[in-house]
């Protein structure tokens, strides 16, 4: 079941309450919550085995199997797009370098300007690159992802929530089974998983519009490939690192597995070249 969360409040009701209380009706921009215009999907919650079995090809040592229970929640059906992210940046008056105004409490960079497939600064505002309006936002730091999620009244998913949603009640390396084909996800098609074979082996080498590939059993698109997606969790015990999930257009299929974990600095992560242009956002809402 899909629904859009509504976080608006009647302006007339707000004015009435303020008048009765004898307080100012001016809104504090730091506490405003905006309506998320994207579609969301209901994730039922439940208990599942997180991680990968020892027999799974190309598994990494940080994927131990363990039982996890997650409560129900709502998740954005698609990755957040460049158009959606640009609205946030402009509303919050983020400067051309990707930072909040000087008086803001968060002094971290939120986004790196990307003139190829992301958002860039033109005529004193953030705009999507022409033709990439409905592609996933890229070059977003963990701070930028967290701030966007808060701005729409949501949050980033935990690792457990992300993997549960990605699997869609499957136990195979991908929600699509033991293979992820060139018709099922955007990744480096010349490097299919294990013994799998692709019809097309020449990669697209860039993001694709959200929803280009079929959804999983929960109705979520692009959980494998397109862009890595930030989670709220620390990686290990390093407060400067956060977990990324899902793989990207740049990566081989094994990195797009449901259980695969990757880490990046939550701030200026682009010091890691292989992540440049490949990291985006998906958000969740509590029920």
Protein backbone atom coordinates (compact mmCIF):
# COMPACT_ATOMS: atom_id res chain seq x y z
CA UNK A 1 0.00 0.00 0.00
CA UNK A 2 1.35 3.42 -0.96
CA UNK A 3 0.54 6.74 0.66
CA UNK A 4 1.96 10.18 0.92
CA UNK A 5 2.71 11.52 4.39
CA UNK A 6 1.00 14.83 5.14
CA UNK A 7 2.75 17.10 7.56
CA UNK A 8 0.96 20.40 6.80
CA UNK A 9 -1.00 22.48 9.29
CA UNK A 10 -3.78 24.95 8.57
CA UNK A 11 -2.38 28.48 8.58
CA UNK A 12 -5.70 29.87 9.84
CA UNK A 13 -5.69 27.43 12.75
CA UNK A 14 -2.12 28.37 13.57
CA UNK A 15 -3.01 32.08 13.57
CA UNK A 16 -5.99 31.47 15.86
CA UNK A 17 -3.94 29.50 18.38
CA UNK A 18 -1.16 32.09 18.37
CA UNK A 19 -3.68 34.89 18.93
CA UNK A 20 -5.30 33.12 21.88
CA UNK A 21 -1.91 32.48 23.47
CA UNK A 22 -0.70 36.00 22.84
CA UNK A 23 2.48 34.85 21.08
CA UNK A 24 4.10 35.64 17.77
CA UNK A 25 2.82 33.72 14.79
CA UNK A 26 6.09 33.93 12.91
CA UNK A 27 7.40 30.45 12.14
CA UNK A 28 10.90 29.43 13.15
CA UNK A 29 12.49 28.15 9.94
CA UNK A 30 14.53 25.62 11.91
CA UNK A 31 11.36 23.86 13.08
CA UNK A 32 9.29 23.98 9.92
CA UNK A 33 8.40 20.62 8.43
CA UNK A 34 7.65 20.41 4.73
CA UNK A 35 5.37 17.97 2.94
CA UNK A 36 7.22 15.19 1.14
CA UNK A 37 5.76 15.10 -2.36
CA UNK A 38 7.22 11.72 -3.32
CA UNK A 39 5.41 8.41 -3.03
CA UNK A 40 5.96 6.15 -0.05
CA UNK A 41 5.45 2.43 0.42
CA UNK A 42 4.26 0.69 3.57
CA UNK A 43 6.86 -1.76 4.89
CA UNK A 44 5.10 -4.21 7.25
CA UNK A 45 8.01 -4.97 9.55
CA UNK A 46 8.89 -8.38 10.94
CA UNK A 47 11.77 -10.64 11.88
CA UNK A 48 14.43 -11.67 9.36
CA UNK A 49 17.99 -12.94 9.07
CA UNK A 50 20.22 -9.97 8.38
CA UNK A 51 23.61 -10.50 6.72
CA UNK A 52 24.78 -13.22 4.35
CA UNK A 53 25.47 -16.95 4.73
CA UNK A 54 29.05 -18.18 4.51
CA UNK A 55 28.17 -19.85 1.21
CA UNK A 56 27.17 -16.60 -0.52
CA UNK A 57 29.64 -15.75 -3.26
CA UNK A 58 31.68 -12.56 -2.81
CA UNK A 59 30.37 -11.93 0.69
CA UNK A 60 32.48 -9.75 2.97
CA UNK A 61 33.54 -10.35 6.55
CA UNK A 62 31.31 -7.61 7.92
CA UNK A 63 28.09 -9.41 6.96
CA UNK A 64 27.55 -11.91 9.81
CA UNK A 65 24.11 -13.49 9.88
CA UNK A 66 21.94 -12.51 12.84
CA UNK A 67 18.24 -12.31 13.55
CA UNK A 68 16.70 -8.83 13.62
CA UNK A 69 13.16 -7.57 14.22
CA UNK A 70 12.03 -4.26 12.74
CA UNK A 71 8.78 -2.39 13.32
CA UNK A 72 6.60 -1.26 10.43
CA UNK A 73 7.50 2.00 8.69
CA UNK A 74 7.05 3.84 5.40
CA UNK A 75 9.87 4.22 2.89
CA UNK A 76 10.19 6.42 -0.17
CA UNK A 77 9.28 4.38 -3.23
CA UNK A 78 12.10 5.97 -5.20
CA UNK A 79 15.45 7.52 -4.43
CA UNK A 80 15.17 11.26 -3.75
CA UNK A 81 15.50 13.10 -7.07
CA UNK A 82 17.59 16.09 -8.09
CA UNK A 83 14.43 18.19 -8.40
CA UNK A 84 13.28 17.31 -4.89
CA UNK A 85 16.69 17.95 -3.39
CA UNK A 86 17.07 21.31 -5.16
CA UNK A 87 13.83 22.55 -3.56
CA UNK A 88 15.29 21.74 -0.14
CA UNK A 89 18.60 23.47 -0.86
CA UNK A 90 16.85 26.63 -2.03
CA UNK A 91 14.36 26.67 0.82
CA UNK A 92 17.19 26.40 3.35
CA UNK A 93 19.26 29.02 1.50
CA UNK A 94 22.24 26.70 1.08
CA UNK A 95 25.10 28.60 -0.55
CA UNK A 96 26.89 27.79 -3.81
CA UNK A 97 29.45 25.70 -1.94
CA UNK A 98 26.85 23.44 -0.34
CA UNK A 99 26.82 24.98 3.14
CA UNK A 100 24.11 26.55 5.27
CA UNK A 101 24.28 30.31 5.84
CA UNK A 102 26.95 31.33 8.33
CA UNK A 103 24.49 31.64 11.21
CA UNK A 104 23.26 28.06 10.85
CA UNK A 105 24.02 25.56 13.63
CA UNK A 106 25.37 22.92 11.23
CA UNK A 107 28.63 23.96 9.62
CA UNK A 108 29.10 20.83 7.51
CA UNK A 109 28.89 20.57 3.74
CA UNK A 110 25.53 19.18 2.59
CA UNK A 111 26.20 18.57 -1.09
CA UNK A 112 28.91 18.84 -3.71
CA UNK A 113 28.01 20.71 -6.88
CA UNK A 114 27.67 18.26 -9.78
CA UNK A 115 27.31 19.69 -13.30
CA UNK A 116 27.10 16.28 -14.98
CA UNK A 117 24.12 14.50 -13.42
CA UNK A 118 23.24 16.23 -10.16
CA UNK A 119 22.40 19.74 -8.96
CA UNK A 120 24.38 22.91 -9.57
CA UNK A 121 24.23 26.59 -8.67
CA UNK A 122 22.97 29.03 -11.32
CA UNK A 123 21.55 32.56 -10.99
CA UNK A 124 21.67 32.38 -7.18
CA UNK A 125 19.71 29.15 -6.89
CA UNK A 126 20.20 25.39 -7.02
CA UNK A 127 18.85 23.68 -10.13
CA UNK A 128 18.95 20.13 -11.47
CA UNK A 129 21.14 19.51 -14.50
CA UNK A 130 18.85 19.67 -17.54
CA UNK A 131 17.63 16.20 -18.45
CA UNK A 132 18.47 14.84 -14.99
CA UNK A 133 15.57 16.33 -13.04
CA UNK A 134 14.13 12.89 -12.24
CA UNK A 135 17.48 11.18 -11.68
CA UNK A 136 18.57 10.49 -8.11
CA UNK A 137 20.30 13.31 -6.25
CA UNK A 138 24.03 12.59 -6.09
CA UNK A 139 27.09 13.87 -4.26
CA UNK A 140 25.01 14.25 -1.11
CA UNK A 141 26.89 13.99 2.19
CA UNK A 142 25.44 12.18 5.19
CA UNK A 143 24.76 15.58 6.74
CA UNK A 144 22.86 16.66 3.64
CA UNK A 145 20.86 13.43 3.60
CA UNK A 146 19.98 13.77 7.28
CA UNK A 147 19.00 17.41 6.92
CA UNK A 148 16.76 16.67 3.93
CA UNK A 149 15.07 13.83 5.79
CA UNK A 150 14.43 16.08 8.80
CA UNK A 151 13.13 18.84 6.51
CA UNK A 152 10.34 16.58 5.25
CA UNK A 153 9.56 15.13 8.67
CA UNK A 154 11.31 11.80 8.10
CA UNK A 155 14.71 10.26 8.79
CA UNK A 156 17.33 8.03 7.24
CA UNK A 157 16.70 4.28 7.48
CA UNK A 158 18.67 2.13 9.87
CA UNK A 159 20.75 -0.59 8.26
CA UNK A 160 18.29 -3.21 9.48
CA UNK A 161 15.32 -1.35 8.03
CA UNK A 162 17.12 -0.84 4.74
CA UNK A 163 18.09 -4.49 4.33
CA UNK A 164 14.66 -5.74 5.39
CA UNK A 165 13.02 -3.44 2.85
CA UNK A 166 15.52 -4.36 0.14
CA UNK A 167 15.08 -8.10 0.57
CA UNK A 168 11.30 -8.00 0.30
CA UNK A 169 11.06 -11.34 2.17
CA UNK A 170 13.78 -12.99 0.07
CA UNK A 171 16.91 -14.78 1.30
CA UNK A 172 18.86 -14.76 -1.97
CA UNK A 173 21.78 -12.40 -2.74
CA UNK A 174 19.36 -10.04 -4.50
CA UNK A 175 15.62 -9.50 -4.20
CA UNK A 176 15.61 -10.63 -7.84
CA UNK A 177 17.11 -14.02 -6.94
CA UNK A 178 20.66 -15.30 -7.37
CA UNK A 179 21.33 -12.91 -10.27
CA UNK A 180 20.84 -9.21 -10.99
CA UNK A 181 20.55 -8.77 -14.74
CA UNK A 182 20.98 -5.69 -16.94
CA UNK A 183 17.19 -5.52 -17.11
CA UNK A 184 16.83 -5.44 -13.32
CA UNK A 185 19.27 -2.78 -12.15
CA UNK A 186 21.74 -0.09 -13.15
CA UNK A 187 25.28 -1.22 -12.30
CA UNK A 188 28.52 -2.15 -14.07
CA UNK A 189 26.96 -4.73 -16.39
CA UNK A 190 30.34 -6.00 -17.49
CA UNK A 191 30.75 -7.46 -13.99
CA UNK A 192 27.68 -9.62 -13.30
CA UNK A 193 27.37 -11.64 -10.14
CA UNK A 194 29.18 -14.96 -9.74
CA UNK A 195 28.33 -17.16 -12.76
CA UNK A 196 25.47 -14.94 -14.00
CA UNK A 197 25.45 -13.63 -17.58
CA UNK A 198 24.02 -10.35 -18.88
CA UNK A 199 22.43 -9.78 -22.29
CA UNK A 200 24.12 -6.37 -22.44
CA UNK A 201 27.60 -5.97 -20.96
CA UNK A 202 28.28 -2.34 -21.88
CA UNK A 203 27.35 -0.25 -18.84
CA UNK A 204 25.36 2.98 -18.95
CA UNK A 205 28.05 4.66 -16.81
CA UNK A 206 25.68 7.12 -15.14
CA UNK A 207 22.51 7.31 -13.10
CA UNK A 208 19.14 6.54 -14.65
CA UNK A 209 15.72 8.04 -13.88
CA UNK A 210 14.27 6.71 -10.66
CA UNK A 211 11.82 3.88 -11.28
CA UNK A 212 13.45 2.78 -14.53
CA UNK A 213 13.81 -0.79 -13.27
CA UNK A 214 11.14 -3.11 -11.79
CA UNK A 215 10.19 -2.77 -8.13
CA UNK A 216 10.80 -5.47 -5.53
CA UNK A 217 8.03 -7.32 -3.69
CA UNK A 218 7.44 -4.34 -1.38
CA UNK A 219 7.11 -1.96 -4.33
CA UNK A 220 10.51 -0.25 -3.93
CA UNK A 221 12.54 0.68 -7.00
CA UNK A 222 16.32 0.78 -7.45
CA UNK A 223 17.29 -0.89 -4.18
CA UNK A 224 20.05 -2.61 -6.17
CA UNK A 225 22.27 -0.18 -8.07
CA UNK A 226 21.76 3.35 -9.46
CA UNK A 227 23.15 5.11 -6.34
CA UNK A 228 24.38 4.11 -2.92
CA UNK A 229 21.95 5.11 -0.17
CA UNK A 230 22.90 6.53 3.24
CA UNK A 231 21.82 4.80 6.45
CA UNK A 232 21.77 6.34 9.91
CA UNK A 233 24.16 3.80 11.46
CA UNK A 234 27.82 4.30 12.30
CA UNK A 235 30.20 1.91 10.60
CA UNK A 236 31.89 -0.03 13.39
CA UNK A 237 32.74 2.32 16.25
CA UNK A 238 33.91 5.22 14.09
CA UNK A 239 31.65 8.23 14.59
CA UNK A 240 33.01 9.83 11.42
CA UNK A 241 31.88 6.93 9.23
CA UNK A 242 28.36 5.98 8.17
CA UNK A 243 27.00 2.99 6.27
CA UNK A 244 26.02 3.01 2.60
CA UNK A 245 23.80 0.35 1.04
CA UNK A 246 22.67 -0.81 -2.39
CA UNK A 247 25.60 -0.23 -4.74
CA UNK A 248 25.60 2.13 -7.71
CA UNK A 249 25.88 2.45 -11.49
CA UNK A 250 29.66 2.40 -11.05
CA UNK A 251 29.87 -0.90 -9.14
CA UNK A 252 29.96 -4.58 -9.94
CA UNK A 253 26.93 -6.67 -9.09
CA UNK A 254 28.44 -8.18 -5.92
CA UNK A 255 28.43 -4.72 -4.29
CA UNK A 256 24.72 -4.39 -5.02
CA UNK A 257 23.79 -7.45 -2.95
CA UNK A 258 21.12 -7.07 -0.25
CA UNK A 259 23.64 -7.78 2.52
CA UNK A 260 26.56 -5.76 1.18
CA UNK A 261 27.79 -2.94 3.42
CA UNK A 262 30.01 -0.02 2.50
CA UNK A 263 31.28 2.87 4.58
CA UNK A 264 32.09 6.50 3.85
CA UNK A 265 32.95 9.61 5.78
CA UNK A 266 29.75 11.39 6.69
CA UNK A 267 31.19 14.78 5.83
CA UNK A 268 33.47 15.42 2.89
CA UNK A 269 33.36 11.82 1.70
CA UNK A 270 34.29 12.75 -1.87
CA UNK A 271 37.93 12.41 -0.77
CA UNK A 272 37.19 8.78 -1.71
CA UNK A 273 37.18 9.08 -5.56
CA UNK A 274 35.23 5.90 -6.28
CA UNK A 275 32.18 7.31 -4.49
CA UNK A 276 32.08 10.54 -6.47
CA UNK A 277 28.73 10.97 -8.19
CA UNK A 278 27.33 7.72 -6.82
CA UNK A 279 25.79 8.50 -3.41
CA UNK A 280 22.16 9.52 -2.85
CA UNK A 281 19.22 9.32 -0.46
CA UNK A 282 16.16 7.28 0.39
CA UNK A 283 14.09 8.25 3.42
CA UNK A 284 11.70 6.60 5.87
CA UNK A 285 8.78 7.74 8.02
CA UNK A 286 7.66 6.23 11.31
CA UNK A 287 4.10 4.94 11.52
